[in-house]
């Protein structure tokens, strides 16, 4: 057990008034949950990459809509 697990064990044992086996099971269950969730945590690099991709997508849509609106306005001038 590392230091964090020992602190969790002590907490479960004294503050939650759990037995020794229940405290160990509690700590092991928390370790399993943390290990399962580690792969789903977003890193700083992942967030930067996603933001850059989103920025590019927004820029593409903005340019496309701007060109469409410009063509519509030009079309209205030539119609009259």
PDB file of N, CA and C in Angstrom:
ATOM      1  N   UNK A   1       0.840  -1.185   0.000  1.00  0.00           N
ATOM      2  CA  UNK A   1       0.000   0.000   0.000  1.00  0.00           C
ATOM      3  C   UNK A   1       0.881   1.242   0.000  1.00  0.00           C
ATOM      4  N   UNK A   2       0.488   2.200  -0.798  1.00  0.00           N
ATOM      5  CA  UNK A   2       1.237   3.455  -0.789  1.00  0.00           C
ATOM      6  C   UNK A   2       0.662   4.402   0.272  1.00  0.00           C
ATOM      7  N   UNK A   3       1.236   5.578   0.354  1.00  0.00           N
ATOM      8  CA  UNK A   3       0.865   6.516   1.421  1.00  0.00           C
ATOM      9  C   UNK A   3      -0.598   6.942   1.330  1.00  0.00           C
ATOM     10  N   UNK A   4      -1.081   7.150   0.119  1.00  0.00           N
ATOM     11  CA  UNK A   4      -2.483   7.578  -0.045  1.00  0.00           C
ATOM     12  C   UNK A   4      -3.418   6.462   0.401  1.00  0.00           C
ATOM     13  N   UNK A   5      -3.089   5.238   0.014  1.00  0.00           N
ATOM     14  CA  UNK A   5      -3.936   4.117   0.413  1.00  0.00           C
ATOM     15  C   UNK A   5      -3.947   3.932   1.930  1.00  0.00           C
ATOM     16  N   UNK A   6      -2.789   4.148   2.557  1.00  0.00           N
ATOM     17  CA  UNK A   6      -2.740   4.048   4.015  1.00  0.00           C
ATOM     18  C   UNK A   6      -3.590   5.126   4.680  1.00  0.00           C
ATOM     19  N   UNK A   7      -3.565   6.320   4.112  1.00  0.00           N
ATOM     20  CA  UNK A   7      -4.392   7.399   4.669  1.00  0.00           C
ATOM     21  C   UNK A   7      -5.877   7.082   4.489  1.00  0.00           C
ATOM     22  N   UNK A   8      -6.237   6.540   3.323  1.00  0.00           N
ATOM     23  CA  UNK A   8      -7.630   6.146   3.100  1.00  0.00           C
ATOM     24  C   UNK A   8      -8.036   5.026   4.061  1.00  0.00           C
ATOM     25  N   UNK A   9      -7.127   4.085   4.258  1.00  0.00           N
ATOM     26  CA  UNK A   9      -7.396   2.978   5.176  1.00  0.00           C
ATOM     27  C   UNK A   9      -7.608   3.506   6.592  1.00  0.00           C
ATOM     28  N   UNK A  10      -6.720   4.389   7.033  1.00  0.00           N
ATOM     29  CA  UNK A  10      -6.870   4.973   8.373  1.00  0.00           C
ATOM     30  C   UNK A  10      -8.173   5.755   8.493  1.00  0.00           C
ATOM     31  N   UNK A  11      -8.498   6.499   7.447  1.00  0.00           N
ATOM     32  CA  UNK A  11      -9.748   7.265   7.455  1.00  0.00           C
ATOM     33  C   UNK A  11     -10.947   6.325   7.576  1.00  0.00           C
ATOM     34  N   UNK A  12     -10.972   5.284   6.746  1.00  0.00           N
ATOM     35  CA  UNK A  12     -12.093   4.342   6.780  1.00  0.00           C
ATOM     36  C   UNK A  12     -12.161   3.622   8.119  1.00  0.00           C
ATOM     37  N   UNK A  13     -11.014   3.320   8.658  1.00  0.00           N
ATOM     38  CA  UNK A  13     -10.950   2.555   9.909  1.00  0.00           C
ATOM     39  C   UNK A  13     -11.424   3.395  11.097  1.00  0.00           C
ATOM     40  N   UNK A  14     -10.958   4.625  11.190  1.00  0.00           N
ATOM     41  CA  UNK A  14     -11.248   5.422  12.386  1.00  0.00           C
ATOM     42  C   UNK A  14     -12.460   6.336  12.224  1.00  0.00           C
ATOM     43  N   UNK A  15     -12.518   7.067  11.127  1.00  0.00           N
ATOM     44  CA  UNK A  15     -13.607   8.040  10.972  1.00  0.00           C
ATOM     45  C   UNK A  15     -14.922   7.368  10.576  1.00  0.00           C
ATOM     46  N   UNK A  16     -14.834   6.342   9.732  1.00  0.00           N
ATOM     47  CA  UNK A  16     -16.059   5.671   9.299  1.00  0.00           C
ATOM     48  C   UNK A  16     -16.392   4.463  10.175  1.00  0.00           C
ATOM     49  N   UNK A  17     -15.514   4.156  11.116  1.00  0.00           N
ATOM     50  CA  UNK A  17     -15.698   3.044  12.056  1.00  0.00           C
ATOM     51  C   UNK A  17     -15.932   1.717  11.348  1.00  0.00           C
ATOM     52  N   UNK A  18     -15.138   1.451  10.313  1.00  0.00           N
ATOM     53  CA  UNK A  18     -15.235   0.182   9.609  1.00  0.00           C
ATOM     54  C   UNK A  18     -14.250  -0.813  10.203  1.00  0.00           C
ATOM     55  N   UNK A  19     -14.548  -2.079  10.019  1.00  0.00           N
ATOM     56  CA  UNK A  19     -13.622  -3.102  10.499  1.00  0.00           C
ATOM     57  C   UNK A  19     -12.387  -3.125   9.602  1.00  0.00           C
ATOM     58  N   UNK A  20     -11.391  -3.917  10.005  1.00  0.00           N
ATOM     59  CA  UNK A  20     -10.143  -3.967   9.241  1.00  0.00           C
ATOM     60  C   UNK A  20     -10.384  -4.507   7.833  1.00  0.00           C
ATOM     61  N   UNK A  21     -11.159  -5.571   7.718  1.00  0.00           N
ATOM     62  CA  UNK A  21     -11.409  -6.152   6.381  1.00  0.00           C
ATOM     63  C   UNK A  21     -12.259  -5.221   5.533  1.00  0.00           C
ATOM     64  N   UNK A  22     -13.253  -4.582   6.151  1.00  0.00           N
ATOM     65  CA  UNK A  22     -14.092  -3.645   5.404  1.00  0.00           C
ATOM     66  C   UNK A  22     -13.278  -2.441   4.925  1.00  0.00           C
ATOM     67  N   UNK A  23     -12.354  -1.983   5.750  1.00  0.00           N
ATOM     68  CA  UNK A  23     -11.502  -0.860   5.361  1.00  0.00           C
ATOM     69  C   UNK A  23     -10.621  -1.230   4.185  1.00  0.00           C
ATOM     70  N   UNK A  24     -10.053  -2.437   4.220  1.00  0.00           N
ATOM     71  CA  UNK A  24      -9.220  -2.892   3.107  1.00  0.00           C
ATOM     72  C   UNK A  24     -10.038  -3.020   1.831  1.00  0.00           C
ATOM     73  N   UNK A  25     -11.241  -3.581   1.944  1.00  0.00           N
ATOM     74  CA  UNK A  25     -12.120  -3.704   0.773  1.00  0.00           C
ATOM     75  C   UNK A  25     -12.489  -2.333   0.215  1.00  0.00           C
ATOM     76  N   UNK A  26     -12.744  -1.383   1.110  1.00  0.00           N
ATOM     77  CA  UNK A  26     -13.077  -0.021   0.704  1.00  0.00           C
ATOM     78  C   UNK A  26     -11.942   0.593  -0.103  1.00  0.00           C
ATOM     79  N   UNK A  27     -10.708   0.461   0.386  1.00  0.00           N
ATOM     80  CA  UNK A  27      -9.538   1.024  -0.298  1.00  0.00           C
ATOM     81  C   UNK A  27      -9.323   0.328  -1.640  1.00  0.00           C
ATOM     82  N   UNK A  28      -9.460  -0.997  -1.669  1.00  0.00           N
ATOM     83  CA  UNK A  28      -9.285  -1.740  -2.925  1.00  0.00           C
ATOM     84  C   UNK A  28     -10.357  -1.360  -3.947  1.00  0.00           C
ATOM     85  N   UNK A  29     -11.586  -1.168  -3.486  1.00  0.00           N
ATOM     86  CA  UNK A  29     -12.655  -0.762  -4.397  1.00  0.00           C
ATOM     87  C   UNK A  29     -12.374   0.618  -4.981  1.00  0.00           C
ATOM     88  N   UNK A  30     -11.897   1.540  -4.152  1.00  0.00           N
ATOM     89  CA  UNK A  30     -11.547   2.872  -4.652  1.00  0.00           C
ATOM     90  C   UNK A  30     -10.400   2.804  -5.657  1.00  0.00           C
ATOM     91  N   UNK A  31      -9.409   1.950  -5.405  1.00  0.00           N
ATOM     92  CA  UNK A  31      -8.300   1.784  -6.353  1.00  0.00           C
ATOM     93  C   UNK A  31      -8.800   1.293  -7.701  1.00  0.00           C
ATOM     94  N   UNK A  32      -9.723   0.336  -7.684  1.00  0.00           N
ATOM     95  CA  UNK A  32     -10.277  -0.202  -8.934  1.00  0.00           C
ATOM     96  C   UNK A  32     -11.016   0.879  -9.714  1.00  0.00           C
ATOM     97  N   UNK A  33     -11.811   1.668  -9.015  1.00  0.00           N
ATOM     98  CA  UNK A  33     -12.561   2.739  -9.679  1.00  0.00           C
ATOM     99  C   UNK A  33     -11.605   3.759 -10.292  1.00  0.00           C
ATOM    100  N   UNK A  34     -10.567   4.109  -9.555  1.00  0.00           N
ATOM    101  CA  UNK A  34      -9.598   5.090 -10.051  1.00  0.00           C
ATOM    102  C   UNK A  34      -8.868   4.546 -11.268  1.00  0.00           C
ATOM    103  N   UNK A  35      -8.476   3.274 -11.240  1.00  0.00           N
ATOM    104  CA  UNK A  35      -7.783   2.662 -12.384  1.00  0.00           C
ATOM    105  C   UNK A  35      -8.688   2.634 -13.609  1.00  0.00           C
ATOM    106  N   UNK A  36      -9.976   2.334 -13.401  1.00  0.00           N
ATOM    107  CA  UNK A  36     -10.913   2.305 -14.526  1.00  0.00           C
ATOM    108  C   UNK A  36     -11.090   3.684 -15.144  1.00  0.00           C
ATOM    109  N   UNK A  37     -11.052   4.726 -14.320  1.00  0.00           N
ATOM    110  CA  UNK A  37     -11.307   6.082 -14.788  1.00  0.00           C
ATOM    111  C   UNK A  37     -10.069   6.767 -15.354  1.00  0.00           C
ATOM    112  N   UNK A  38      -8.872   6.226 -15.108  1.00  0.00           N
ATOM    113  CA  UNK A  38      -7.645   6.874 -15.563  1.00  0.00           C
ATOM    114  C   UNK A  38      -7.608   7.057 -17.073  1.00  0.00           C
ATOM    115  N   UNK A  39      -8.117   6.103 -17.819  1.00  0.00           N
ATOM    116  CA  UNK A  39      -8.084   6.180 -19.278  1.00  0.00           C
ATOM    117  C   UNK A  39      -9.045   7.220 -19.831  1.00  0.00           C
ATOM    118  N   UNK A  40      -9.998   7.640 -19.030  1.00  0.00           N
ATOM    119  CA  UNK A  40     -11.003   8.588 -19.495  1.00  0.00           C
ATOM    120  C   UNK A  40     -10.689  10.029 -19.101  1.00  0.00           C
ATOM    121  N   UNK A  41      -9.584  10.244 -18.429  1.00  0.00           N
ATOM    122  CA  UNK A  41      -9.216  11.590 -17.999  1.00  0.00           C
ATOM    123  C   UNK A  41      -8.591  12.329 -19.174  1.00  0.00           C
ATOM    124  N   UNK A  42      -9.033  13.532 -19.410  1.00  0.00           N
ATOM    125  CA  UNK A  42      -8.500  14.337 -20.509  1.00  0.00           C
ATOM    126  C   UNK A  42      -7.196  14.992 -20.088  1.00  0.00           C
ATOM    127  N   UNK A  43      -6.189  14.839 -20.932  1.00  0.00           N
ATOM    128  CA  UNK A  43      -4.907  15.472 -20.649  1.00  0.00           C
ATOM    129  C   UNK A  43      -4.869  16.862 -21.280  1.00  0.00           C
ATOM    130  N   UNK A  44      -3.888  17.635 -20.903  1.00  0.00           N
ATOM    131  CA  UNK A  44      -3.750  18.997 -21.431  1.00  0.00           C
ATOM    132  C   UNK A  44      -3.517  18.957 -22.948  1.00  0.00           C
ATOM    133  N   UNK A  45      -2.685  18.019 -23.411  1.00  0.00           N
ATOM    134  CA  UNK A  45      -2.422  17.906 -24.850  1.00  0.00           C
ATOM    135  C   UNK A  45      -3.685  17.537 -25.620  1.00  0.00           C
ATOM    136  N   UNK A  46      -4.487  16.626 -25.058  1.00  0.00           N
ATOM    137  CA  UNK A  46      -5.732  16.232 -25.707  1.00  0.00           C
ATOM    138  C   UNK A  46      -6.679  17.419 -25.836  1.00  0.00           C
ATOM    139  N   UNK A  47      -6.790  18.204 -24.768  1.00  0.00           N
ATOM    140  CA  UNK A  47      -7.684  19.365 -24.785  1.00  0.00           C
ATOM    141  C   UNK A  47      -7.201  20.398 -25.805  1.00  0.00           C
ATOM    142  N   UNK A  48      -5.887  20.646 -25.856  1.00  0.00           N
ATOM    143  CA  UNK A  48      -5.346  21.594 -26.831  1.00  0.00           C
ATOM    144  C   UNK A  48      -5.632  21.141 -28.248  1.00  0.00           C
ATOM    145  N   UNK A  49      -5.464  19.851 -28.511  1.00  0.00           N
ATOM    146  CA  UNK A  49      -5.720  19.305 -29.854  1.00  0.00           C
ATOM    147  C   UNK A  49      -7.195  19.466 -30.227  1.00  0.00           C
ATOM    148  N   UNK A  50      -8.083  19.126 -29.301  1.00  0.00           N
ATOM    149  CA  UNK A  50      -9.512  19.243 -29.566  1.00  0.00           C
ATOM    150  C   UNK A  50      -9.917  20.696 -29.803  1.00  0.00           C
ATOM    151  N   UNK A  51      -9.361  21.627 -29.028  1.00  0.00           N
ATOM    152  CA  UNK A  51      -9.677  23.038 -29.217  1.00  0.00           C
ATOM    153  C   UNK A  51      -9.188  23.546 -30.571  1.00  0.00           C
ATOM    154  N   UNK A  52      -8.014  23.100 -31.003  1.00  0.00           N
ATOM    155  CA  UNK A  52      -7.491  23.511 -32.304  1.00  0.00           C
ATOM    156  C   UNK A  52      -8.380  22.982 -33.427  1.00  0.00           C
ATOM    157  N   UNK A  53      -8.814  21.726 -33.307  1.00  0.00           N
ATOM    158  CA  UNK A  53      -9.706  21.160 -34.328  1.00  0.00           C
ATOM    159  C   UNK A  53     -11.044  21.896 -34.351  1.00  0.00           C
ATOM    160  N   UNK A  54     -11.565  22.218 -33.193  1.00  0.00           N
ATOM    161  CA  UNK A  54     -12.838  22.933 -33.121  1.00  0.00           C
ATOM    162  C   UNK A  54     -12.707  24.330 -33.712  1.00  0.00           C
ATOM    163  N   UNK A  55     -11.594  24.984 -33.435  1.00  0.00           N
ATOM    164  CA  UNK A  55     -11.352  26.314 -33.988  1.00  0.00           C
ATOM    165  C   UNK A  55     -11.331  26.253 -35.516  1.00  0.00           C
ATOM    166  N   UNK A  56     -10.672  25.253 -36.064  1.00  0.00           N
ATOM    167  CA  UNK A  56     -10.625  25.103 -37.519  1.00  0.00           C
ATOM    168  C   UNK A  56     -12.008  24.841 -38.096  1.00  0.00           C
ATOM    169  N   UNK A  57     -12.791  24.006 -37.429  1.00  0.00           N
ATOM    170  CA  UNK A  57     -14.143  23.723 -37.912  1.00  0.00           C
ATOM    171  C   UNK A  57     -15.010  24.980 -37.893  1.00  0.00           C
ATOM    172  N   UNK A  58     -14.928  25.754 -36.826  1.00  0.00           N
ATOM    173  CA  UNK A  58     -15.711  26.987 -36.726  1.00  0.00           C
ATOM    174  C   UNK A  58     -15.296  27.969 -37.808  1.00  0.00           C
ATOM    175  N   UNK A  59     -14.005  28.066 -38.059  1.00  0.00           N
ATOM    176  CA  UNK A  59     -13.509  28.968 -39.095  1.00  0.00           C
ATOM    177  C   UNK A  59     -14.022  28.555 -40.481  1.00  0.00           C
ATOM    178  N   UNK A  60     -14.015  27.256 -40.764  1.00  0.00           N
ATOM    179  CA  UNK A  60     -14.540  26.770 -42.051  1.00  0.00           C
ATOM    180  C   UNK A  60     -16.019  27.137 -42.209  1.00  0.00           C
ATOM    181  N   UNK A  61     -16.813  26.916 -41.168  1.00  0.00           N
ATOM    182  CA  UNK A  61     -18.232  27.243 -41.241  1.00  0.00           C
ATOM    183  C   UNK A  61     -18.431  28.752 -41.414  1.00  0.00           C
ATOM    184  N   UNK A  62     -17.648  29.543 -40.697  1.00  0.00           N
ATOM    185  CA  UNK A  62     -17.778  30.992 -40.783  1.00  0.00           C
ATOM    186  C   UNK A  62     -17.487  31.475 -42.204  1.00  0.00           C
ATOM    187  N   UNK A  63     -16.416  30.974 -42.806  1.00  0.00           N
ATOM    188  CA  UNK A  63     -16.063  31.375 -44.170  1.00  0.00           C
ATOM    189  C   UNK A  63     -17.148  30.937 -45.146  1.00  0.00           C
ATOM    190  N   UNK A  64     -17.643  29.717 -44.983  1.00  0.00           N
ATOM    191  CA  UNK A  64     -18.703  29.222 -45.868  1.00  0.00           C
ATOM    192  C   UNK A  64     -19.970  30.053 -45.775  1.00  0.00           C
ATOM    193  N   UNK A  65     -20.378  30.389 -44.573  1.00  0.00           N
ATOM    194  CA  UNK A  65     -21.584  31.202 -44.393  1.00  0.00           C
ATOM    195  C   UNK A  65     -21.358  32.614 -44.922  1.00  0.00           C
ATOM    196  N   UNK A  66     -20.171  33.180 -44.706  1.00  0.00           N
ATOM    197  CA  UNK A  66     -19.869  34.517 -45.206  1.00  0.00           C
ATOM    198  C   UNK A  66     -19.950  34.558 -46.732  1.00  0.00           C
ATOM    199  N   UNK A  67     -19.363  33.574 -47.390  1.00  0.00           N
ATOM    200  CA  UNK A  67     -19.399  33.522 -48.860  1.00  0.00           C
ATOM    201  C   UNK A  67     -20.834  33.378 -49.345  1.00  0.00           C
ATOM    202  N   UNK A  68     -21.611  32.529 -48.695  1.00  0.00           N
ATOM    203  CA  UNK A  68     -23.015  32.343 -49.084  1.00  0.00           C
ATOM    204  C   UNK A  68     -23.802  33.645 -48.929  1.00  0.00           C
ATOM    205  N   UNK A  69     -23.625  34.338 -47.818  1.00  0.00           N
ATOM    206  CA  UNK A  69     -24.336  35.596 -47.614  1.00  0.00           C
ATOM    207  C   UNK A  69     -23.894  36.653 -48.627  1.00  0.00           C
ATOM    208  N   UNK A  70     -22.595  36.686 -48.923  1.00  0.00           N
ATOM    209  CA  UNK A  70     -22.104  37.651 -49.906  1.00  0.00           C
ATOM    210  C   UNK A  70     -22.733  37.382 -51.269  1.00  0.00           C
ATOM    211  N   UNK A  71     -22.804  36.115 -51.663  1.00  0.00           N
ATOM    212  CA  UNK A  71     -23.432  35.773 -52.947  1.00  0.00           C
ATOM    213  C   UNK A  71     -24.917  36.113 -52.956  1.00  0.00           C
ATOM    214  N   UNK A  72     -25.591  35.914 -51.842  1.00  0.00           N
ATOM    215  CA  UNK A  72     -27.008  36.268 -51.773  1.00  0.00           C
ATOM    216  C   UNK A  72     -27.202  37.776 -51.929  1.00  0.00           C
ATOM    217  N   UNK A  73     -26.372  38.574 -51.279  1.00  0.00           N
ATOM    218  CA  UNK A  73     -26.480  40.037 -51.381  1.00  0.00           C
ATOM    219  C   UNK A  73     -26.170  40.491 -52.800  1.00  0.00           C
ATOM    220  N   UNK A  74     -25.140  39.932 -53.394  1.00  0.00           N
ATOM    221  CA  UNK A  74     -24.802  40.277 -54.784  1.00  0.00           C
ATOM    222  C   UNK A  74     -25.937  39.893 -55.708  1.00  0.00           C
ATOM    223  N   UNK A  75     -26.546  38.744 -55.470  1.00  0.00           N
ATOM    224  CA  UNK A  75     -27.681  38.310 -56.286  1.00  0.00           C
ATOM    225  C   UNK A  75     -28.860  39.265 -56.177  1.00  0.00           C
ATOM    226  N   UNK A  76     -29.134  39.792 -54.998  1.00  0.00           N
ATOM    227  CA  UNK A  76     -30.206  40.747 -54.820  1.00  0.00           C
ATOM    228  C   UNK A  76     -29.951  42.045 -55.589  1.00  0.00           C
ATOM    229  N   UNK A  77     -28.692  42.483 -55.656  1.00  0.00           N
ATOM    230  CA  UNK A  77     -28.369  43.715 -56.416  1.00  0.00           C
ATOM    231  C   UNK A  77     -28.561  43.509 -57.904  1.00  0.00           C
ATOM    232  N   UNK A  78     -28.213  42.333 -58.408  1.00  0.00           N
ATOM    233  CA  UNK A  78     -28.367  42.101 -59.841  1.00  0.00           C
ATOM    234  C   UNK A  78     -29.810  41.832 -60.231  1.00  0.00           C
ATOM    235  N   UNK A  79     -30.634  41.392 -59.307  1.00  0.00           N
ATOM    236  CA  UNK A  79     -32.037  41.101 -59.598  1.00  0.00           C
ATOM    237  C   UNK A  79     -32.821  42.394 -59.838  1.00  0.00           C
ATOM    238  N   UNK A  80     -32.488  43.429 -59.114  1.00  0.00           N
ATOM    239  CA  UNK A  80     -33.272  44.650 -59.245  1.00  0.00           C
ATOM    240  C   UNK A  80     -32.821  45.499 -60.348  1.00  0.00           C
TER     241      UNK A  80
END
